PDB file of all heavy atoms in Angstrom:
ATOM      1  N   SER A   1     169.697 144.970  83.631  1.00  0.00           N
ATOM      2  CA  SER A   1     169.306 143.693  82.932  1.00  0.00           C
ATOM      3  C   SER A   1     170.319 142.609  83.154  1.00  0.00           C
ATOM      4  O   SER A   1     169.941 141.439  83.245  1.00  0.00           O
ATOM      5  CB  SER A   1     169.156 143.981  81.440  1.00  0.00           C
ATOM      6  OG  SER A   1     170.325 144.499  80.935  1.00  0.00           O
ATOM      7  N   GLN A   2     171.618 142.921  83.336  1.00  0.00           N
ATOM      8  CA  GLN A   2     172.629 141.903  83.502  1.00  0.00           C
ATOM      9  C   GLN A   2     172.909 141.567  85.012  1.00  0.00           C
ATOM     10  O   GLN A   2     173.364 140.486  85.286  1.00  0.00           O
ATOM     11  CB  GLN A   2     173.947 142.314  82.914  1.00  0.00           C
ATOM     12  CG  GLN A   2     173.937 142.413  81.413  1.00  0.00           C
ATOM     13  CD  GLN A   2     175.279 142.767  80.815  1.00  0.00           C
ATOM     14  OE1 GLN A   2     176.278 142.832  81.479  1.00  0.00           O
ATOM     15  NE2 GLN A   2     175.313 143.030  79.515  1.00  0.00           N
ATOM     16  N   GLY A   3     172.644 142.543  85.862  1.00  0.00           N
ATOM     17  CA  GLY A   3     172.858 142.256  87.286  1.00  0.00           C
ATOM     18  C   GLY A   3     174.310 142.425  87.758  1.00  0.00           C
ATOM     19  O   GLY A   3     175.178 142.838  86.967  1.00  0.00           O
ATOM     20  N   VAL A   4     174.549 142.025  88.966  1.00  0.00           N
ATOM     21  CA  VAL A   4     175.900 142.181  89.546  1.00  0.00           C
ATOM     22  C   VAL A   4     176.859 141.288  88.839  1.00  0.00           C
ATOM     23  O   VAL A   4     176.588 140.123  88.596  1.00  0.00           O
ATOM     24  CB  VAL A   4     175.880 141.818  91.029  1.00  0.00           C
ATOM     25  CG1 VAL A   4     177.250 141.887  91.619  1.00  0.00           C
ATOM     26  CG2 VAL A   4     174.895 142.715  91.802  1.00  0.00           C
ATOM     27  N   GLN A   5     178.038 141.854  88.424  1.00  0.00           N
ATOM     28  CA  GLN A   5     179.072 141.036  87.729  1.00  0.00           C
ATOM     29  C   GLN A   5     180.319 140.972  88.568  1.00  0.00           C
ATOM     30  O   GLN A   5     180.533 141.793  89.483  1.00  0.00           O
ATOM     31  CB  GLN A   5     179.372 141.657  86.373  1.00  0.00           C
ATOM     32  CG  GLN A   5     178.210 141.772  85.427  1.00  0.00           C
ATOM     33  CD  GLN A   5     177.770 140.508  84.834  1.00  0.00           C
ATOM     34  OE1 GLN A   5     178.622 139.604  84.670  1.00  0.00           O
ATOM     35  NE2 GLN A   5     176.533 140.293  84.498  1.00  0.00           N
ATOM     36  N   ALA A   6     181.220 140.049  88.242  1.00  0.00           N
ATOM     37  CA  ALA A   6     182.370 139.732  89.060  1.00  0.00           C
ATOM     38  C   ALA A   6     183.220 140.946  89.327  1.00  0.00           C
ATOM     39  O   ALA A   6     183.743 141.210  90.456  1.00  0.00           O
ATOM     40  CB  ALA A   6     183.189 138.633  88.414  1.00  0.00           C
ATOM     41  N   GLN A   7     183.446 141.791  88.289  1.00  0.00           N
ATOM     42  CA  GLN A   7     184.395 142.897  88.375  1.00  0.00           C
ATOM     43  C   GLN A   7     183.836 143.891  89.418  1.00  0.00           C
ATOM     44  O   GLN A   7     184.653 144.421  90.208  1.00  0.00           O
ATOM     45  CB  GLN A   7     184.548 143.560  87.037  1.00  0.00           C
ATOM     46  CG  GLN A   7     185.567 144.663  87.034  1.00  0.00           C
ATOM     47  CD  GLN A   7     187.017 144.165  87.252  1.00  0.00           C
ATOM     48  OE1 GLN A   7     187.300 143.069  86.817  1.00  0.00           O
ATOM     49  NE2 GLN A   7     187.753 144.947  87.914  1.00  0.00           N
ATOM     50  N   SER A   8     182.564 144.187  89.425  1.00  0.00           N
ATOM     51  CA  SER A   8     181.998 145.136  90.359  1.00  0.00           C
ATOM     52  C   SER A   8     182.247 144.707  91.779  1.00  0.00           C
ATOM     53  O   SER A   8     182.479 145.521  92.673  1.00  0.00           O
ATOM     54  CB  SER A   8     180.484 145.294  90.148  1.00  0.00           C
ATOM     55  OG  SER A   8     180.180 145.320  88.765  1.00  0.00           O
ATOM     56  N   ILE A   9     182.165 143.365  92.045  1.00  0.00           N
ATOM     57  CA  ILE A   9     182.339 142.889  93.429  1.00  0.00           C
ATOM     58  C   ILE A   9     183.748 143.185  93.918  1.00  0.00           C
ATOM     59  O   ILE A   9     183.926 143.687  95.005  1.00  0.00           O
ATOM     60  CB  ILE A   9     182.072 141.360  93.464  1.00  0.00           C
ATOM     61  CG1 ILE A   9     180.599 141.116  93.163  1.00  0.00           C
ATOM     62  CG2 ILE A   9     182.378 140.791  94.814  1.00  0.00           C
ATOM     63  CD1 ILE A   9     180.173 139.575  93.054  1.00  0.00           C
ATOM     64  N   SER A  10     184.765 142.897  93.077  1.00  0.00           N
ATOM     65  CA  SER A  10     186.123 143.062  93.597  1.00  0.00           C
ATOM     66  C   SER A  10     186.443 144.536  93.789  1.00  0.00           C
ATOM     67  O   SER A  10     187.073 144.919  94.787  1.00  0.00           O
ATOM     68  CB  SER A  10     187.118 142.445  92.627  1.00  0.00           C
ATOM     69  OG  SER A  10     187.137 143.145  91.362  1.00  0.00           O
ATOM     70  N   VAL A  11     185.967 145.441  92.859  1.00  0.00           N
ATOM     71  CA  VAL A  11     186.252 146.844  93.012  1.00  0.00           C
ATOM     72  C   VAL A  11     185.496 147.402  94.238  1.00  0.00           C
ATOM     73  O   VAL A  11     185.963 148.295  95.002  1.00  0.00           O
ATOM     74  CB  VAL A  11     185.934 147.640  91.767  1.00  0.00           C
ATOM     75  CG1 VAL A  11     186.253 149.132  91.894  1.00  0.00           C
ATOM     76  CG2 VAL A  11     186.686 147.089  90.557  1.00  0.00           C
ATOM     77  N   PHE A  12     184.274 146.919  94.446  1.00  0.00           N
ATOM     78  CA  PHE A  12     183.481 147.311  95.596  1.00  0.00           C
ATOM     79  C   PHE A  12     184.259 147.096  96.899  1.00  0.00           C
ATOM     80  O   PHE A  12     184.287 147.953  97.802  1.00  0.00           O
ATOM     81  CB  PHE A  12     182.121 146.571  95.619  1.00  0.00           C
ATOM     82  CG  PHE A  12     181.312 146.769  96.867  1.00  0.00           C
ATOM     83  CD1 PHE A  12     180.512 147.933  97.017  1.00  0.00           C
ATOM     84  CD2 PHE A  12     181.360 145.876  97.904  1.00  0.00           C
ATOM     85  CE1 PHE A  12     179.786 148.122  98.153  1.00  0.00           C
ATOM     86  CE2 PHE A  12     180.609 146.082  99.024  1.00  0.00           C
ATOM     87  CZ  PHE A  12     179.808 147.215  99.184  1.00  0.00           C
ATOM     88  N   HIS A  13     184.877 145.917  97.001  1.00  0.00           N
ATOM     89  CA  HIS A  13     185.616 145.647  98.235  1.00  0.00           C
ATOM     90  C   HIS A  13     186.851 146.531  98.384  1.00  0.00           C
ATOM     91  O   HIS A  13     187.164 146.920  99.525  1.00  0.00           O
ATOM     92  CB  HIS A  13     186.031 144.148  98.300  1.00  0.00           C
ATOM     93  CG  HIS A  13     184.846 143.252  98.493  1.00  0.00           C
ATOM     94  ND1 HIS A  13     183.982 143.370  99.480  1.00  0.00           N
ATOM     95  CD2 HIS A  13     184.407 142.161  97.773  1.00  0.00           C
ATOM     96  CE1 HIS A  13     183.016 142.479  99.465  1.00  0.00           C
ATOM     97  NE2 HIS A  13     183.249 141.717  98.383  1.00  0.00           N
ATOM     98  N   ILE A  14     187.500 146.866  97.241  1.00  0.00           N
ATOM     99  CA  ILE A  14     188.640 147.807  97.379  1.00  0.00           C
ATOM    100  C   ILE A  14     188.149 149.128  97.905  1.00  0.00           C
ATOM    101  O   ILE A  14     188.767 149.781  98.802  1.00  0.00           O
ATOM    102  CB  ILE A  14     189.293 148.046  95.978  1.00  0.00           C
ATOM    103  CG1 ILE A  14     189.876 146.744  95.427  1.00  0.00           C
ATOM    104  CG2 ILE A  14     190.390 149.099  96.019  1.00  0.00           C
ATOM    105  CD1 ILE A  14     190.412 146.852  94.025  1.00  0.00           C
ATOM    106  N   ALA A  15     186.969 149.645  97.389  1.00  0.00           N
ATOM    107  CA  ALA A  15     186.412 150.889  97.796  1.00  0.00           C
ATOM    108  C   ALA A  15     185.995 150.905  99.271  1.00  0.00           C
ATOM    109  O   ALA A  15     186.236 151.856  99.979  1.00  0.00           O
ATOM    110  CB  ALA A  15     185.204 151.269  96.919  1.00  0.00           C
ATOM    111  N   LYS A  16     185.419 149.794  99.689  1.00  0.00           N
ATOM    112  CA  LYS A  16     184.946 149.640 101.054  1.00  0.00           C
ATOM    113  C   LYS A  16     186.137 149.661 102.035  1.00  0.00           C
ATOM    114  O   LYS A  16     186.118 150.350 103.075  1.00  0.00           O
ATOM    115  CB  LYS A  16     184.245 148.286 101.258  1.00  0.00           C
ATOM    116  CG  LYS A  16     182.731 148.420 101.218  1.00  0.00           C
ATOM    117  CD  LYS A  16     182.189 149.282 102.361  1.00  0.00           C
ATOM    118  CE  LYS A  16     180.694 149.354 102.458  1.00  0.00           C
ATOM    119  NZ  LYS A  16     180.249 150.706 102.820  1.00  0.00           N
ATOM    120  N   GLU A  17     187.264 148.981 101.612  1.00  0.00           N
ATOM    121  CA  GLU A  17     188.482 148.955 102.479  1.00  0.00           C
ATOM    122  C   GLU A  17     189.031 150.419 102.665  1.00  0.00           C
ATOM    123  O   GLU A  17     189.559 150.787 103.648  1.00  0.00           O
ATOM    124  CB  GLU A  17     189.572 148.081 101.843  1.00  0.00           C
ATOM    125  CG  GLU A  17     189.458 146.626 102.159  1.00  0.00           C
ATOM    126  CD  GLU A  17     190.362 145.786 101.253  1.00  0.00           C
ATOM    127  OE1 GLU A  17     191.409 146.271 100.918  1.00  0.00           O
ATOM    128  OE2 GLU A  17     189.968 144.635 100.969  1.00  0.00           O
ATOM    129  N   ARG A  18     188.886 151.209 101.592  1.00  0.00           N
ATOM    130  CA  ARG A  18     189.409 152.599 101.670  1.00  0.00           C
ATOM    131  C   ARG A  18     188.420 153.520 102.356  1.00  0.00           C
ATOM    132  O   ARG A  18     188.681 154.718 102.425  1.00  0.00           O
ATOM    133  CB  ARG A  18     189.727 153.122 100.244  1.00  0.00           C
ATOM    134  CG  ARG A  18     190.860 152.433  99.558  1.00  0.00           C
ATOM    135  CD  ARG A  18     191.420 153.224  98.422  1.00  0.00           C
ATOM    136  NE  ARG A  18     192.682 152.695  97.950  1.00  0.00           N
ATOM    137  CZ  ARG A  18     193.892 153.031  98.412  1.00  0.00           C
ATOM    138  NH1 ARG A  18     193.953 153.887  99.342  1.00  0.00           N
ATOM    139  NH2 ARG A  18     194.955 152.508  97.867  1.00  0.00           N
ATOM    140  N   GLY A  19     187.298 152.985 102.802  1.00  0.00           N
ATOM    141  CA  GLY A  19     186.296 153.770 103.568  1.00  0.00           C
ATOM    142  C   GLY A  19     185.499 154.719 102.709  1.00  0.00           C
ATOM    143  O   GLY A  19     185.085 155.782 103.177  1.00  0.00           O
ATOM    144  N   LEU A  20     185.293 154.430 101.459  1.00  0.00           N
ATOM    145  CA  LEU A  20     184.539 155.349 100.551  1.00  0.00           C
ATOM    146  C   LEU A  20     183.037 155.164 100.809  1.00  0.00           C
ATOM    147  O   LEU A  20     182.572 154.136 101.158  1.00  0.00           O
ATOM    148  CB  LEU A  20     184.841 155.025  99.114  1.00  0.00           C
ATOM    149  CG  LEU A  20     185.942 155.821  98.452  1.00  0.00           C
ATOM    150  CD1 LEU A  20     187.275 155.471  99.135  1.00  0.00           C
ATOM    151  CD2 LEU A  20     186.080 155.524  96.993  1.00  0.00           C
ATOM    152  N   THR A  21     182.278 156.280 100.598  1.00  0.00           N
ATOM    153  CA  THR A  21     180.790 156.223 100.687  1.00  0.00           C
ATOM    154  C   THR A  21     180.311 155.715  99.357  1.00  0.00           C
ATOM    155  O   THR A  21     180.675 156.237  98.275  1.00  0.00           O
ATOM    156  CB  THR A  21     180.240 157.625 100.970  1.00  0.00           C
ATOM    157  OG1 THR A  21     180.813 158.104 102.113  1.00  0.00           O
ATOM    158  CG2 THR A  21     178.736 157.628 101.057  1.00  0.00           C
ATOM    159  N   ILE A  22     179.485 154.674  99.331  1.00  0.00           N
ATOM    160  CA  ILE A  22     178.996 154.040  98.096  1.00  0.00           C
ATOM    161  C   ILE A  22     177.590 154.454  97.797  1.00  0.00           C
ATOM    162  O   ILE A  22     176.726 154.381  98.683  1.00  0.00           O
ATOM    163  CB  ILE A  22     179.105 152.503  98.194  1.00  0.00           C
ATOM    164  CG1 ILE A  22     180.464 152.007  98.672  1.00  0.00           C
ATOM    165  CG2 ILE A  22     178.666 151.866  96.885  1.00  0.00           C
ATOM    166  CD1 ILE A  22     181.546 152.031  97.665  1.00  0.00           C
ATOM    167  N   ILE A  23     177.338 154.963  96.591  1.00  0.00           N
ATOM    168  CA  ILE A  23     175.983 155.291  96.136  1.00  0.00           C
ATOM    169  C   ILE A  23     175.583 154.253  95.084  1.00  0.00           C
ATOM    170  O   ILE A  23     176.142 154.228  93.966  1.00  0.00           O
ATOM    171  CB  ILE A  23     175.911 156.695  95.547  1.00  0.00           C
ATOM    172  CG1 ILE A  23     176.340 157.744  96.609  1.00  0.00           C
ATOM    173  CG2 ILE A  23     174.512 157.001  95.068  1.00  0.00           C
ATOM    174  CD1 ILE A  23     176.400 159.178  96.075  1.00  0.00           C
ATOM    175  N   PRO A  24     174.612 153.360  95.410  1.00  0.00           N
ATOM    176  CA  PRO A  24     174.222 152.348  94.378  1.00  0.00           C
ATOM    177  C   PRO A  24     173.310 152.949  93.304  1.00  0.00           C
ATOM    178  O   PRO A  24     172.396 153.706  93.588  1.00  0.00           O
ATOM    179  CB  PRO A  24     173.435 151.313  95.221  1.00  0.00           C
ATOM    180  CG  PRO A  24     172.971 152.057  96.434  1.00  0.00           C
ATOM    181  CD  PRO A  24     173.851 153.225  96.665  1.00  0.00           C
ATOM    182  N   VAL A  25     173.670 152.691  92.018  1.00  0.00           N
ATOM    183  CA  VAL A  25     172.921 153.225  90.884  1.00  0.00           C
ATOM    184  C   VAL A  25     172.560 152.070  89.937  1.00  0.00           C
ATOM    185  O   VAL A  25     173.424 151.295  89.567  1.00  0.00           O
ATOM    186  CB  VAL A  25     173.748 154.285  90.150  1.00  0.00           C
ATOM    187  CG1 VAL A  25     172.937 154.843  88.953  1.00  0.00           C
ATOM    188  CG2 VAL A  25     174.190 155.430  91.011  1.00  0.00           C
ATOM    189  N   LEU A  26     171.279 151.960  89.598  1.00  0.00           N
ATOM    190  CA  LEU A  26     170.855 150.967  88.606  1.00  0.00           C
ATOM    191  C   LEU A  26     170.701 151.621  87.285  1.00  0.00           C
ATOM    192  O   LEU A  26     169.857 152.557  87.106  1.00  0.00           O
ATOM    193  CB  LEU A  26     169.542 150.299  89.022  1.00  0.00           C
ATOM    194  CG  LEU A  26     169.642 149.190  90.077  1.00  0.00           C
ATOM    195  CD1 LEU A  26     168.283 148.706  90.477  1.00  0.00           C
ATOM    196  CD2 LEU A  26     170.386 147.966  89.469  1.00  0.00           C
ATOM    197  N   ASN A  27     171.450 151.185  86.283  1.00  0.00           N
ATOM    198  CA  ASN A  27     171.459 151.782  84.957  1.00  0.00           C
ATOM    199  C   ASN A  27     170.615 150.944  83.995  1.00  0.00           C
ATOM    200  O   ASN A  27     170.350 149.785  84.229  1.00  0.00           O
ATOM    201  CB  ASN A  27     172.883 151.957  84.445  1.00  0.00           C
ATOM    202  CG  ASN A  27     172.961 152.812  83.189  1.00  0.00           C
ATOM    203  OD1 ASN A  27     172.057 153.549  82.884  1.00  0.00           O
ATOM    204  ND2 ASN A  27     174.041 152.699  82.506  1.00  0.00           N
ATOM    205  N   LYS A  28     170.257 151.526  82.865  1.00  0.00           N
ATOM    206  CA  LYS A  28     169.519 150.872  81.795  1.00  0.00           C
ATOM    207  C   LYS A  28     168.145 150.318  82.210  1.00  0.00           C
ATOM    208  O   LYS A  28     167.760 149.248  81.772  1.00  0.00           O
ATOM    209  CB  LYS A  28     170.380 149.707  81.157  1.00  0.00           C
ATOM    210  CG  LYS A  28     171.796 150.174  80.747  1.00  0.00           C
ATOM    211  CD  LYS A  28     172.485 149.079  79.959  1.00  0.00           C
ATOM    212  CE  LYS A  28     173.968 149.447  79.684  1.00  0.00           C
ATOM    213  NZ  LYS A  28     174.622 148.473  78.879  1.00  0.00           N
ATOM    214  N   VAL A  29     167.440 151.120  83.128  1.00  0.00           N
ATOM    215  CA  VAL A  29     166.165 150.624  83.561  1.00  0.00           C
ATOM    216  C   VAL A  29     165.060 150.720  82.425  1.00  0.00           C
ATOM    217  O   VAL A  29     163.991 150.224  82.577  1.00  0.00           O
ATOM    218  CB  VAL A  29     165.672 151.398  84.827  1.00  0.00           C
ATOM    219  CG1 VAL A  29     166.487 151.082  86.015  1.00  0.00           C
ATOM    220  CG2 VAL A  29     165.662 152.944  84.556  1.00  0.00           C
ATOM    221  N   ASP A  30     165.432 151.481  81.346  1.00  0.00           N
ATOM    222  CA  ASP A  30     164.437 151.616  80.257  1.00  0.00           C
ATOM    223  C   ASP A  30     164.479 150.473  79.263  1.00  0.00           C
ATOM    224  O   ASP A  30     163.682 150.417  78.344  1.00  0.00           O
ATOM    225  CB  ASP A  30     164.682 152.932  79.491  1.00  0.00           C
ATOM    226  CG  ASP A  30     166.153 153.000  78.966  1.00  0.00           C
ATOM    227  OD1 ASP A  30     166.994 152.363  79.566  1.00  0.00           O
ATOM    228  OD2 ASP A  30     166.407 153.714  77.990  1.00  0.00           O
TER     229      ASP A  30
END
């Protein structure tokens, strides 16, 4: 319901730099 927020973006880039496999999950779909 809220969508992508600033904090997720910065942590995503840290994870990408470390070469982690990312699994996207959408929560609160109900």
